[in-house]
Amino acid sequence: MATRYYISLPDPQKARGGNPFSFVSNSAEGFAQELQDALRSDGLFERWRAQQDDPDAVDPALGATDPAAKVAGQQDDLHIDLIATTSIPGSVFKHRLRLLAGSAWELRDVSAA
């Protein structure tokens, strides 16, 4: 079952940089594409796992992917709103967002898709 997540990046500059996994985009569409890629493939997870002290000890469930995940982005004044629809478990979704944006994101709402 898919879930729809409503995310806000109040200060997109803070969501870029900070770690080697952070967002690099400048547009709402770019942020959306990066998050969508992170949900559809295990590339971000594998890069993060390789940086861990014991990569083999990392829970493989954190590498879950959803090839059908969709993310839309919209610039609203100075912040960016993202709507992600995915079947990835909430804990994995939040882990990916923490890798991409650190603590510079807010979960506004969650609903069944």
PDB file of N, CA and C in Angstrom:
ATOM      1  N   MET A   1       0.831  -1.179   0.000  1.00  0.00           N
ATOM      2  CA  MET A   1       0.000   0.000   0.000  1.00  0.00           C
ATOM      3  C   MET A   1       0.879   1.248   0.000  1.00  0.00           C
ATOM      4  N   ALA A   2       0.595   2.145  -0.882  1.00  0.00           N
ATOM      5  CA  ALA A   2       1.382   3.368  -1.006  1.00  0.00           C
ATOM      6  C   ALA A   2       0.916   4.429  -0.009  1.00  0.00           C
ATOM      7  N   THR A   3       1.869   5.255   0.389  1.00  0.00           N
ATOM      8  CA  THR A   3       1.609   6.354   1.313  1.00  0.00           C
ATOM      9  C   THR A   3       2.062   7.641   0.656  1.00  0.00           C
ATOM     10  N   ARG A   4       1.330   8.709   0.921  1.00  0.00           N
ATOM     11  CA  ARG A   4       1.687  10.025   0.393  1.00  0.00           C
ATOM     12  C   ARG A   4       2.238  10.863   1.549  1.00  0.00           C
ATOM     13  N   TYR A   5       3.449  11.378   1.364  1.00  0.00           N
ATOM     14  CA  TYR A   5       4.123  12.201   2.363  1.00  0.00           C
ATOM     15  C   TYR A   5       4.200  13.637   1.853  1.00  0.00           C
ATOM     16  N   TYR A   6       3.799  14.558   2.679  1.00  0.00           N
ATOM     17  CA  TYR A   6       3.871  15.981   2.359  1.00  0.00           C
ATOM     18  C   TYR A   6       5.035  16.565   3.152  1.00  0.00           C
ATOM     19  N   ILE A   7       6.058  16.976   2.434  1.00  0.00           N
ATOM     20  CA  ILE A   7       7.314  17.436   3.032  1.00  0.00           C
ATOM     21  C   ILE A   7       7.535  18.907   2.706  1.00  0.00           C
ATOM     22  N   SER A   8       8.087  19.646   3.654  1.00  0.00           N
ATOM     23  CA  SER A   8       8.473  21.025   3.409  1.00  0.00           C
ATOM     24  C   SER A   8       9.967  21.173   3.675  1.00  0.00           C
ATOM     25  N   LEU A   9      10.626  21.896   2.795  1.00  0.00           N
ATOM     26  CA  LEU A   9      12.020  22.299   3.009  1.00  0.00           C
ATOM     27  C   LEU A   9      11.965  23.807   3.259  1.00  0.00           C
ATOM     28  N   PRO A  10      11.855  24.230   4.536  1.00  0.00           N
ATOM     29  CA  PRO A  10      11.660  25.648   4.847  1.00  0.00           C
ATOM     30  C   PRO A  10      12.802  26.532   4.360  1.00  0.00           C
ATOM     31  N   ASP A  11      14.013  25.992   4.398  1.00  0.00           N
ATOM     32  CA  ASP A  11      15.194  26.726   3.951  1.00  0.00           C
ATOM     33  C   ASP A  11      16.005  25.784   3.061  1.00  0.00           C
ATOM     34  N   PRO A  12      15.729  25.800   1.751  1.00  0.00           N
ATOM     35  CA  PRO A  12      16.404  24.849   0.853  1.00  0.00           C
ATOM     36  C   PRO A  12      17.930  24.896   0.934  1.00  0.00           C
ATOM     37  N   GLN A  13      18.487  26.057   1.246  1.00  0.00           N
ATOM     38  CA  GLN A  13      19.949  26.165   1.351  1.00  0.00           C
ATOM     39  C   GLN A  13      20.481  25.227   2.441  1.00  0.00           C
ATOM     40  N   LYS A  14      19.757  25.113   3.535  1.00  0.00           N
ATOM     41  CA  LYS A  14      20.186  24.234   4.627  1.00  0.00           C
ATOM     42  C   LYS A  14      20.063  22.761   4.243  1.00  0.00           C
ATOM     43  N   ALA A  15      19.212  22.442   3.279  1.00  0.00           N
ATOM     44  CA  ALA A  15      19.042  21.056   2.830  1.00  0.00           C
ATOM     45  C   ALA A  15      20.159  20.642   1.878  1.00  0.00           C
ATOM     46  N   ARG A  16      20.910  21.606   1.374  1.00  0.00           N
ATOM     47  CA  ARG A  16      22.050  21.309   0.486  1.00  0.00           C
ATOM     48  C   ARG A  16      23.331  21.353   1.309  1.00  0.00           C
ATOM     49  N   GLY A  17      24.249  20.461   0.993  1.00  0.00           N
ATOM     50  CA  GLY A  17      25.526  20.470   1.686  1.00  0.00           C
ATOM     51  C   GLY A  17      25.412  19.841   3.059  1.00  0.00           C
ATOM     52  N   GLY A  18      26.499  19.873   3.783  1.00  0.00           N
ATOM     53  CA  GLY A  18      26.483  19.323   5.129  1.00  0.00           C
ATOM     54  C   GLY A  18      27.007  17.902   5.211  1.00  0.00           C
ATOM     55  N   ASN A  19      26.744  17.105   4.210  1.00  0.00           N
ATOM     56  CA  ASN A  19      27.298  15.751   4.175  1.00  0.00           C
ATOM     57  C   ASN A  19      27.377  15.301   2.718  1.00  0.00           C
ATOM     58  N   PRO A  20      28.106  14.236   2.462  1.00  0.00           N
ATOM     59  CA  PRO A  20      28.300  13.810   1.064  1.00  0.00           C
ATOM     60  C   PRO A  20      27.045  13.253   0.394  1.00  0.00           C
ATOM     61  N   PHE A  21      25.947  13.128   1.119  1.00  0.00           N
ATOM     62  CA  PHE A  21      24.713  12.573   0.564  1.00  0.00           C
ATOM     63  C   PHE A  21      23.657  13.641   0.332  1.00  0.00           C
ATOM     64  N   SER A  22      23.940  14.874   0.717  1.00  0.00           N
ATOM     65  CA  SER A  22      22.946  15.952   0.696  1.00  0.00           C
ATOM     66  C   SER A  22      22.439  16.276  -0.697  1.00  0.00           C
ATOM     67  N   PHE A  23      21.237  16.870  -0.702  1.00  0.00           N
ATOM     68  CA  PHE A  23      20.692  17.430  -1.935  1.00  0.00           C
ATOM     69  C   PHE A  23      21.720  18.378  -2.549  1.00  0.00           C
ATOM     70  N   VAL A  24      21.722  18.471  -3.867  1.00  0.00           N
ATOM     71  CA  VAL A  24      22.589  19.425  -4.559  1.00  0.00           C
ATOM     72  C   VAL A  24      21.788  20.350  -5.472  1.00  0.00           C
ATOM     73  N   SER A  25      20.506  20.093  -5.614  1.00  0.00           N
ATOM     74  CA  SER A  25      19.660  20.844  -6.545  1.00  0.00           C
ATOM     75  C   SER A  25      19.372  22.257  -6.067  1.00  0.00           C
ATOM     76  N   ASN A  26      18.939  23.081  -7.021  1.00  0.00           N
ATOM     77  CA  ASN A  26      18.549  24.449  -6.720  1.00  0.00           C
ATOM     78  C   ASN A  26      17.069  24.696  -6.962  1.00  0.00           C
ATOM     79  N   SER A  27      16.402  23.807  -7.657  1.00  0.00           N
ATOM     80  CA  SER A  27      14.988  24.012  -7.995  1.00  0.00           C
ATOM     81  C   SER A  27      14.121  22.975  -7.296  1.00  0.00           C
ATOM     82  N   ALA A  28      12.835  23.289  -7.179  1.00  0.00           N
ATOM     83  CA  ALA A  28      11.889  22.342  -6.590  1.00  0.00           C
ATOM     84  C   ALA A  28      11.864  21.042  -7.383  1.00  0.00           C
ATOM     85  N   GLU A  29      11.907  21.172  -8.702  1.00  0.00           N
ATOM     86  CA  GLU A  29      11.900  19.980  -9.554  1.00  0.00           C
ATOM     87  C   GLU A  29      13.153  19.144  -9.329  1.00  0.00           C
ATOM     88  N   GLY A  30      14.283  19.799  -9.125  1.00  0.00           N
ATOM     89  CA  GLY A  30      15.540  19.088  -8.866  1.00  0.00           C
ATOM     90  C   GLY A  30      15.517  18.335  -7.548  1.00  0.00           C
ATOM     91  N   PHE A  31      15.017  19.001  -6.492  1.00  0.00           N
ATOM     92  CA  PHE A  31      14.886  18.327  -5.195  1.00  0.00           C
ATOM     93  C   PHE A  31      13.972  17.110  -5.331  1.00  0.00           C
ATOM     94  N   ALA A  32      12.852  17.289  -6.032  1.00  0.00           N
ATOM     95  CA  ALA A  32      11.907  16.196  -6.221  1.00  0.00           C
ATOM     96  C   ALA A  32      12.563  15.028  -6.960  1.00  0.00           C
ATOM     97  N   GLN A  33      13.321  15.324  -7.996  1.00  0.00           N
ATOM     98  CA  GLN A  33      13.982  14.274  -8.774  1.00  0.00           C
ATOM     99  C   GLN A  33      15.006  13.525  -7.928  1.00  0.00           C
ATOM    100  N   GLU A  34      15.770  14.251  -7.113  1.00  0.00           N
ATOM    101  CA  GLU A  34      16.770  13.595  -6.266  1.00  0.00           C
ATOM    102  C   GLU A  34      16.112  12.664  -5.252  1.00  0.00           C
ATOM    103  N   LEU A  35      15.019  13.127  -4.634  1.00  0.00           N
ATOM    104  CA  LEU A  35      14.324  12.274  -3.677  1.00  0.00           C
ATOM    105  C   LEU A  35      13.698  11.078  -4.386  1.00  0.00           C
ATOM    106  N   GLN A  36      13.117  11.302  -5.536  1.00  0.00           N
ATOM    107  CA  GLN A  36      12.523  10.201  -6.289  1.00  0.00           C
ATOM    108  C   GLN A  36      13.575   9.153  -6.640  1.00  0.00           C
ATOM    109  N   ASP A  37      14.735   9.592  -7.092  1.00  0.00           N
ATOM    110  CA  ASP A  37      15.822   8.660  -7.405  1.00  0.00           C
ATOM    111  C   ASP A  37      16.249   7.870  -6.171  1.00  0.00           C
ATOM    112  N   ALA A  38      16.283   8.552  -5.017  1.00  0.00           N
ATOM    113  CA  ALA A  38      16.696   7.894  -3.771  1.00  0.00           C
ATOM    114  C   ALA A  38      15.681   6.849  -3.320  1.00  0.00           C
ATOM    115  N   LEU A  39      14.427   7.028  -3.702  1.00  0.00           N
ATOM    116  CA  LEU A  39      13.395   6.062  -3.342  1.00  0.00           C
ATOM    117  C   LEU A  39      13.311   4.915  -4.342  1.00  0.00           C
ATOM    118  N   ARG A  40      13.578   5.203  -5.602  1.00  0.00           N
ATOM    119  CA  ARG A  40      13.445   4.187  -6.646  1.00  0.00           C
ATOM    120  C   ARG A  40      14.629   3.230  -6.733  1.00  0.00           C
ATOM    121  N   SER A  41      15.796   3.675  -6.320  1.00  0.00           N
ATOM    122  CA  SER A  41      16.982   2.819  -6.423  1.00  0.00           C
ATOM    123  C   SER A  41      17.703   2.768  -5.082  1.00  0.00           C
ATOM    124  N   ASP A  42      18.640   1.838  -4.973  1.00  0.00           N
ATOM    125  CA  ASP A  42      19.386   1.706  -3.717  1.00  0.00           C
ATOM    126  C   ASP A  42      20.738   2.419  -3.753  1.00  0.00           C
ATOM    127  N   GLY A  43      20.955   3.270  -4.741  1.00  0.00           N
ATOM    128  CA  GLY A  43      22.246   3.951  -4.876  1.00  0.00           C
ATOM    129  C   GLY A  43      22.636   4.784  -3.664  1.00  0.00           C
ATOM    130  N   LEU A  44      21.733   5.615  -3.175  1.00  0.00           N
ATOM    131  CA  LEU A  44      22.027   6.445  -2.001  1.00  0.00           C
ATOM    132  C   LEU A  44      22.283   5.568  -0.786  1.00  0.00           C
ATOM    133  N   PHE A  45      21.446   4.563  -0.591  1.00  0.00           N
ATOM    134  CA  PHE A  45      21.629   3.645   0.533  1.00  0.00           C
ATOM    135  C   PHE A  45      22.993   2.960   0.466  1.00  0.00           C
ATOM    136  N   GLU A  46      23.361   2.465  -0.710  1.00  0.00           N
ATOM    137  CA  GLU A  46      24.636   1.753  -0.852  1.00  0.00           C
ATOM    138  C   GLU A  46      25.831   2.666  -0.600  1.00  0.00           C
ATOM    139  N   ARG A  47      25.748   3.922  -1.053  1.00  0.00           N
ATOM    140  CA  ARG A  47      26.848   4.879  -0.767  1.00  0.00           C
ATOM    141  C   ARG A  47      26.948   5.135   0.726  1.00  0.00           C
ATOM    142  N   TRP A  48      25.800   5.294   1.386  1.00  0.00           N
ATOM    143  CA  TRP A  48      25.790   5.527   2.834  1.00  0.00           C
ATOM    144  C   TRP A  48      26.317   4.299   3.568  1.00  0.00           C
ATOM    145  N   ARG A  49      25.839   3.120   3.179  1.00  0.00           N
ATOM    146  CA  ARG A  49      26.263   1.879   3.842  1.00  0.00           C
ATOM    147  C   ARG A  49      27.764   1.676   3.735  1.00  0.00           C
ATOM    148  N   ALA A  50      28.330   2.001   2.589  1.00  0.00           N
ATOM    149  CA  ALA A  50      29.773   1.838   2.386  1.00  0.00           C
ATOM    150  C   ALA A  50      30.583   2.726   3.330  1.00  0.00           C
ATOM    151  N   GLN A  51      29.986   3.803   3.826  1.00  0.00           N
ATOM    152  CA  GLN A  51      30.675   4.720   4.736  1.00  0.00           C
ATOM    153  C   GLN A  51      30.604   4.284   6.202  1.00  0.00           C
ATOM    154  N   GLN A  52      29.812   3.270   6.492  1.00  0.00           N
ATOM    155  CA  GLN A  52      29.642   2.824   7.876  1.00  0.00           C
ATOM    156  C   GLN A  52      30.836   1.990   8.317  1.00  0.00           C
ATOM    157  N   ASP A  53      31.093   1.965   9.642  1.00  0.00           N
ATOM    158  CA  ASP A  53      32.216   1.205  10.185  1.00  0.00           C
ATOM    159  C   ASP A  53      32.127  -0.277   9.846  1.00  0.00           C
ATOM    160  N   ASP A  54      30.925  -0.825   9.891  1.00  0.00           N
ATOM    161  CA  ASP A  54      30.716  -2.235   9.561  1.00  0.00           C
ATOM    162  C   ASP A  54      29.539  -2.329   8.587  1.00  0.00           C
ATOM    163  N   PRO A  55      29.806  -2.109   7.295  1.00  0.00           N
ATOM    164  CA  PRO A  55      28.716  -2.115   6.318  1.00  0.00           C
ATOM    165  C   PRO A  55      27.866  -3.384   6.336  1.00  0.00           C
ATOM    166  N   ASP A  56      28.480  -4.521   6.648  1.00  0.00           N
ATOM    167  CA  ASP A  56      27.734  -5.776   6.652  1.00  0.00           C
ATOM    168  C   ASP A  56      26.743  -5.859   7.815  1.00  0.00           C
ATOM    169  N   ALA A  57      26.925  -5.031   8.832  1.00  0.00           N
ATOM    170  CA  ALA A  57      26.035  -5.045   9.990  1.00  0.00           C
ATOM    171  C   ALA A  57      24.811  -4.150   9.795  1.00  0.00           C
ATOM    172  N   VAL A  58      24.789  -3.366   8.712  1.00  0.00           N
ATOM    173  CA  VAL A  58      23.659  -2.477   8.444  1.00  0.00           C
ATOM    174  C   VAL A  58      22.429  -3.303   8.075  1.00  0.00           C
ATOM    175  N   ASP A  59      21.309  -2.952   8.672  1.00  0.00           N
ATOM    176  CA  ASP A  59      20.054  -3.650   8.399  1.00  0.00           C
ATOM    177  C   ASP A  59      19.710  -3.520   6.915  1.00  0.00           C
ATOM    178  N   PRO A  60      19.644  -4.634   6.178  1.00  0.00           N
ATOM    179  CA  PRO A  60      19.343  -4.560   4.745  1.00  0.00           C
ATOM    180  C   PRO A  60      17.956  -3.992   4.449  1.00  0.00           C
ATOM    181  N   ALA A  61      17.070  -3.990   5.429  1.00  0.00           N
ATOM    182  CA  ALA A  61      15.730  -3.430   5.220  1.00  0.00           C
ATOM    183  C   ALA A  61      15.805  -1.925   4.935  1.00  0.00           C
ATOM    184  N   LEU A  62      16.865  -1.260   5.377  1.00  0.00           N
ATOM    185  CA  LEU A  62      17.035   0.170   5.091  1.00  0.00           C
ATOM    186  C   LEU A  62      17.283   0.415   3.604  1.00  0.00           C
ATOM    187  N   GLY A  63      17.596  -0.618   2.856  1.00  0.00           N
ATOM    188  CA  GLY A  63      17.852  -0.498   1.424  1.00  0.00           C
ATOM    189  C   GLY A  63      16.620  -0.720   0.564  1.00  0.00           C
ATOM    190  N   ALA A  64      15.450  -0.760   1.178  1.00  0.00           N
ATOM    191  CA  ALA A  64      14.210  -0.981   0.418  1.00  0.00           C
ATOM    192  C   ALA A  64      14.064   0.049  -0.698  1.00  0.00           C
ATOM    193  N   THR A  65      13.526  -0.395  -1.829  1.00  0.00           N
ATOM    194  CA  THR A  65      13.301   0.512  -2.955  1.00  0.00           C
ATOM    195  C   THR A  65      11.857   0.381  -3.440  1.00  0.00           C
ATOM    196  N   ASP A  66      11.429   1.392  -4.158  1.00  0.00           N
ATOM    197  CA  ASP A  66      10.093   1.402  -4.753  1.00  0.00           C
ATOM    198  C   ASP A  66      10.233   1.979  -6.160  1.00  0.00           C
ATOM    199  N   PRO A  67      10.375   1.123  -7.177  1.00  0.00           N
ATOM    200  CA  PRO A  67      10.541   1.608  -8.546  1.00  0.00           C
ATOM    201  C   PRO A  67       9.387   2.482  -9.039  1.00  0.00           C
ATOM    202  N   ALA A  68       8.240   2.408  -8.371  1.00  0.00           N
ATOM    203  CA  ALA A  68       7.077   3.203  -8.781  1.00  0.00           C
ATOM    204  C   ALA A  68       6.930   4.502  -7.983  1.00  0.00           C
ATOM    205  N   ALA A  69       7.878   4.800  -7.105  1.00  0.00           N
ATOM    206  CA  ALA A  69       7.798   6.018  -6.285  1.00  0.00           C
ATOM    207  C   ALA A  69       7.737   7.255  -7.179  1.00  0.00           C
ATOM    208  N   LYS A  70       6.941   8.227  -6.742  1.00  0.00           N
ATOM    209  CA  LYS A  70       6.819   9.492  -7.478  1.00  0.00           C
ATOM    210  C   LYS A  70       6.944  10.638  -6.501  1.00  0.00           C
ATOM    211  N   VAL A  71       7.665  11.664  -6.915  1.00  0.00           N
ATOM    212  CA  VAL A  71       7.828  12.857  -6.087  1.00  0.00           C
ATOM    213  C   VAL A  71       7.605  14.080  -6.957  1.00  0.00           C
ATOM    214  N   ALA A  72       6.778  14.986  -6.478  1.00  0.00           N
ATOM    215  CA  ALA A  72       6.536  16.264  -7.151  1.00  0.00           C
ATOM    216  C   ALA A  72       7.032  17.370  -6.243  1.00  0.00           C
ATOM    217  N   GLY A  73       7.581  18.408  -6.845  1.00  0.00           N
ATOM    218  CA  GLY A  73       8.083  19.535  -6.070  1.00  0.00           C
ATOM    219  C   GLY A  73       7.522  20.841  -6.562  1.00  0.00           C
ATOM    220  N   GLN A  74       7.361  21.773  -5.612  1.00  0.00           N
ATOM    221  CA  GLN A  74       6.837  23.090  -5.963  1.00  0.00           C
ATOM    222  C   GLN A  74       7.497  24.138  -5.083  1.00  0.00           C
ATOM    223  N   GLN A  75       7.945  25.212  -5.722  1.00  0.00           N
ATOM    224  CA  GLN A  75       8.481  26.356  -4.989  1.00  0.00           C
ATOM    225  C   GLN A  75       7.301  27.161  -4.465  1.00  0.00           C
ATOM    226  N   ASP A  76       7.307  27.498  -3.179  1.00  0.00           N
ATOM    227  CA  ASP A  76       6.244  28.306  -2.581  1.00  0.00           C
ATOM    228  C   ASP A  76       6.919  29.389  -1.763  1.00  0.00           C
ATOM    229  N   ASP A  77       6.978  30.581  -2.328  1.00  0.00           N
ATOM    230  CA  ASP A  77       7.690  31.696  -1.725  1.00  0.00           C
ATOM    231  C   ASP A  77       9.159  31.287  -1.573  1.00  0.00           C
ATOM    232  N   LEU A  78       9.666  31.218  -0.359  1.00  0.00           N
ATOM    233  CA  LEU A  78      11.077  30.884  -0.167  1.00  0.00           C
ATOM    234  C   LEU A  78      11.310  29.420   0.192  1.00  0.00           C
ATOM    235  N   HIS A  79      10.247  28.652   0.386  1.00  0.00           N
ATOM    236  CA  HIS A  79      10.437  27.247   0.738  1.00  0.00           C
ATOM    237  C   HIS A  79       9.985  26.343  -0.408  1.00  0.00           C
ATOM    238  N   ILE A  80      10.337  25.082  -0.262  1.00  0.00           N
ATOM    239  CA  ILE A  80       9.980  24.085  -1.277  1.00  0.00           C
ATOM    240  C   ILE A  80       9.092  23.037  -0.626  1.00  0.00           C
ATOM    241  N   ASP A  81       8.001  22.705  -1.324  1.00  0.00           N
ATOM    242  CA  ASP A  81       7.103  21.644  -0.888  1.00  0.00           C
ATOM    243  C   ASP A  81       7.303  20.438  -1.787  1.00  0.00           C
ATOM    244  N   LEU A  82       7.396  19.266  -1.175  1.00  0.00           N
ATOM    245  CA  LEU A  82       7.537  18.013  -1.905  1.00  0.00           C
ATOM    246  C   LEU A  82       6.389  17.089  -1.505  1.00  0.00           C
ATOM    247  N   ILE A  83       5.839  16.405  -2.484  1.00  0.00           N
ATOM    248  CA  ILE A  83       4.835  15.379  -2.220  1.00  0.00           C
ATOM    249  C   ILE A  83       5.375  14.081  -2.784  1.00  0.00           C
ATOM    250  N   ALA A  84       5.633  13.136  -1.882  1.00  0.00           N
ATOM    251  CA  ALA A  84       6.198  11.846  -2.273  1.00  0.00           C
ATOM    252  C   ALA A  84       5.160  10.756  -2.072  1.00  0.00           C
ATOM    253  N   THR A  85       4.986   9.931  -3.090  1.00  0.00           N
ATOM    254  CA  THR A  85       4.082   8.793  -3.016  1.00  0.00           C
ATOM    255  C   THR A  85       4.926   7.537  -3.187  1.00  0.00           C
ATOM    256  N   THR A  86       4.918   6.685  -2.161  1.00  0.00           N
ATOM    257  CA  THR A  86       5.779   5.513  -2.183  1.00  0.00           C
ATOM    258  C   THR A  86       5.242   4.421  -1.280  1.00  0.00           C
ATOM    259  N   SER A  87       5.661   3.208  -1.547  1.00  0.00           N
ATOM    260  CA  SER A  87       5.303   2.076  -0.697  1.00  0.00           C
ATOM    261  C   SER A  87       6.435   1.728   0.276  1.00  0.00           C
ATOM    262  N   ILE A  88       7.499   2.505   0.263  1.00  0.00           N
ATOM    263  CA  ILE A  88       8.616   2.287   1.187  1.00  0.00           C
ATOM    264  C   ILE A  88       8.133   2.558   2.613  1.00  0.00           C
ATOM    265  N   PRO A  89       8.535   1.743   3.586  1.00  0.00           N
ATOM    266  CA  PRO A  89       8.122   1.969   4.975  1.00  0.00           C
ATOM    267  C   PRO A  89       8.541   3.368   5.470  1.00  0.00           C
ATOM    268  N   GLY A  90       7.731   3.924   6.348  1.00  0.00           N
ATOM    269  CA  GLY A  90       7.975   5.272   6.856  1.00  0.00           C
ATOM    270  C   GLY A  90       9.349   5.463   7.460  1.00  0.00           C
ATOM    271  N   SER A  91       9.838   4.491   8.206  1.00  0.00           N
ATOM    272  CA  SER A  91      11.157   4.630   8.830  1.00  0.00           C
ATOM    273  C   SER A  91      12.265   4.710   7.783  1.00  0.00           C
ATOM    274  N   VAL A  92      12.132   3.966   6.701  1.00  0.00           N
ATOM    275  CA  VAL A  92      13.120   3.997   5.620  1.00  0.00           C
ATOM    276  C   VAL A  92      13.015   5.323   4.864  1.00  0.00           C
ATOM    277  N   PHE A  93      11.792   5.771   4.618  1.00  0.00           N
ATOM    278  CA  PHE A  93      11.575   7.056   3.960  1.00  0.00           C
ATOM    279  C   PHE A  93      12.241   8.188   4.744  1.00  0.00           C
ATOM    280  N   LYS A  94      12.034   8.205   6.040  1.00  0.00           N
ATOM    281  CA  LYS A  94      12.624   9.251   6.885  1.00  0.00           C
ATOM    282  C   LYS A  94      14.150   9.156   6.906  1.00  0.00           C
ATOM    283  N   HIS A  95      14.669   7.939   6.898  1.00  0.00           N
ATOM    284  CA  HIS A  95      16.130   7.762   6.855  1.00  0.00           C
ATOM    285  C   HIS A  95      16.709   8.375   5.583  1.00  0.00           C
ATOM    286  N   ARG A  96      16.056   8.128   4.440  1.00  0.00           N
ATOM    287  CA  ARG A  96      16.530   8.701   3.168  1.00  0.00           C
ATOM    288  C   ARG A  96      16.484  10.223   3.219  1.00  0.00           C
ATOM    289  N   LEU A  97      15.417  10.768   3.768  1.00  0.00           N
ATOM    290  CA  LEU A  97      15.318  12.232   3.862  1.00  0.00           C
ATOM    291  C   LEU A  97      16.386  12.806   4.778  1.00  0.00           C
ATOM    292  N   ARG A  98      16.688  12.107   5.877  1.00  0.00           N
ATOM    293  CA  ARG A  98      17.755  12.593   6.768  1.00  0.00           C
ATOM    294  C   ARG A  98      19.103  12.570   6.054  1.00  0.00           C
ATOM    295  N   LEU A  99      19.330  11.564   5.211  1.00  0.00           N
ATOM    296  CA  LEU A  99      20.577  11.532   4.444  1.00  0.00           C
ATOM    297  C   LEU A  99      20.646  12.711   3.472  1.00  0.00           C
ATOM    298  N   LEU A 100      19.534  12.989   2.807  1.00  0.00           N
ATOM    299  CA  LEU A 100      19.499  14.033   1.784  1.00  0.00           C
ATOM    300  C   LEU A 100      19.430  15.442   2.349  1.00  0.00           C
ATOM    301  N   ALA A 101      18.677  15.644   3.421  1.00  0.00           N
ATOM    302  CA  ALA A 101      18.415  17.006   3.913  1.00  0.00           C
ATOM    303  C   ALA A 101      18.822  17.228   5.358  1.00  0.00           C
ATOM    304  N   GLY A 102      19.412  16.233   6.005  1.00  0.00           N
ATOM    305  CA  GLY A 102      19.755  16.394   7.415  1.00  0.00           C
ATOM    306  C   GLY A 102      18.489  16.632   8.216  1.00  0.00           C
ATOM    307  N   SER A 103      18.493  17.688   9.015  1.00  0.00           N
ATOM    308  CA  SER A 103      17.302  18.028   9.800  1.00  0.00           C
ATOM    309  C   SER A 103      16.541  19.197   9.189  1.00  0.00           C
ATOM    310  N   ALA A 104      16.877  19.559   7.951  1.00  0.00           N
ATOM    311  CA  ALA A 104      16.292  20.737   7.295  1.00  0.00           C
ATOM    312  C   ALA A 104      15.018  20.418   6.524  1.00  0.00           C
ATOM    313  N   TRP A 105      14.201  19.512   7.046  1.00  0.00           N
ATOM    314  CA  TRP A 105      12.936  19.172   6.409  1.00  0.00           C
ATOM    315  C   TRP A 105      11.875  18.992   7.473  1.00  0.00           C
ATOM    316  N   GLU A 106      10.625  19.172   7.065  1.00  0.00           N
ATOM    317  CA  GLU A 106       9.494  19.010   7.971  1.00  0.00           C
ATOM    318  C   GLU A 106       8.455  18.109   7.315  1.00  0.00           C
ATOM    319  N   LEU A 107       7.972  17.144   8.082  1.00  0.00           N
ATOM    320  CA  LEU A 107       6.886  16.296   7.620  1.00  0.00           C
ATOM    321  C   LEU A 107       5.593  17.011   7.969  1.00  0.00           C
ATOM    322  N   ARG A 108       4.847  17.442   6.950  1.00  0.00           N
ATOM    323  CA  ARG A 108       3.630  18.222   7.151  1.00  0.00           C
ATOM    324  C   ARG A 108       2.393  17.360   7.296  1.00  0.00           C
ATOM    325  N   ASP A 109       2.337  16.251   6.555  1.00  0.00           N
ATOM    326  CA  ASP A 109       1.161  15.401   6.592  1.00  0.00           C
ATOM    327  C   ASP A 109       1.490  14.066   5.952  1.00  0.00           C
ATOM    328  N   VAL A 110       0.679  13.069   6.272  1.00  0.00           N
ATOM    329  CA  VAL A 110       0.812  11.730   5.705  1.00  0.00           C
ATOM    330  C   VAL A 110      -0.599  11.233   5.418  1.00  0.00           C
ATOM    331  N   SER A 111      -0.785  10.618   4.254  1.00  0.00           N
ATOM    332  CA  SER A 111      -2.096  10.047   3.933  1.00  0.00           C
ATOM    333  C   SER A 111      -1.922   8.811   3.074  1.00  0.00           C
ATOM    334  N   ALA A 112      -2.945   8.005   3.013  1.00  0.00           N
ATOM    335  CA  ALA A 112      -2.939   6.851   2.116  1.00  0.00           C
ATOM    336  C   ALA A 112      -3.017   7.373   0.689  1.00  0.00           C
ATOM    337  N   ALA A 113      -2.299   6.726  -0.207  1.00  0.00           N
ATOM    338  CA  ALA A 113      -2.297   7.179  -1.606  1.00  0.00           C
ATOM    339  C   ALA A 113      -3.319   6.427  -2.421  1.00  0.00           C
TER     340      ALA A 113
END
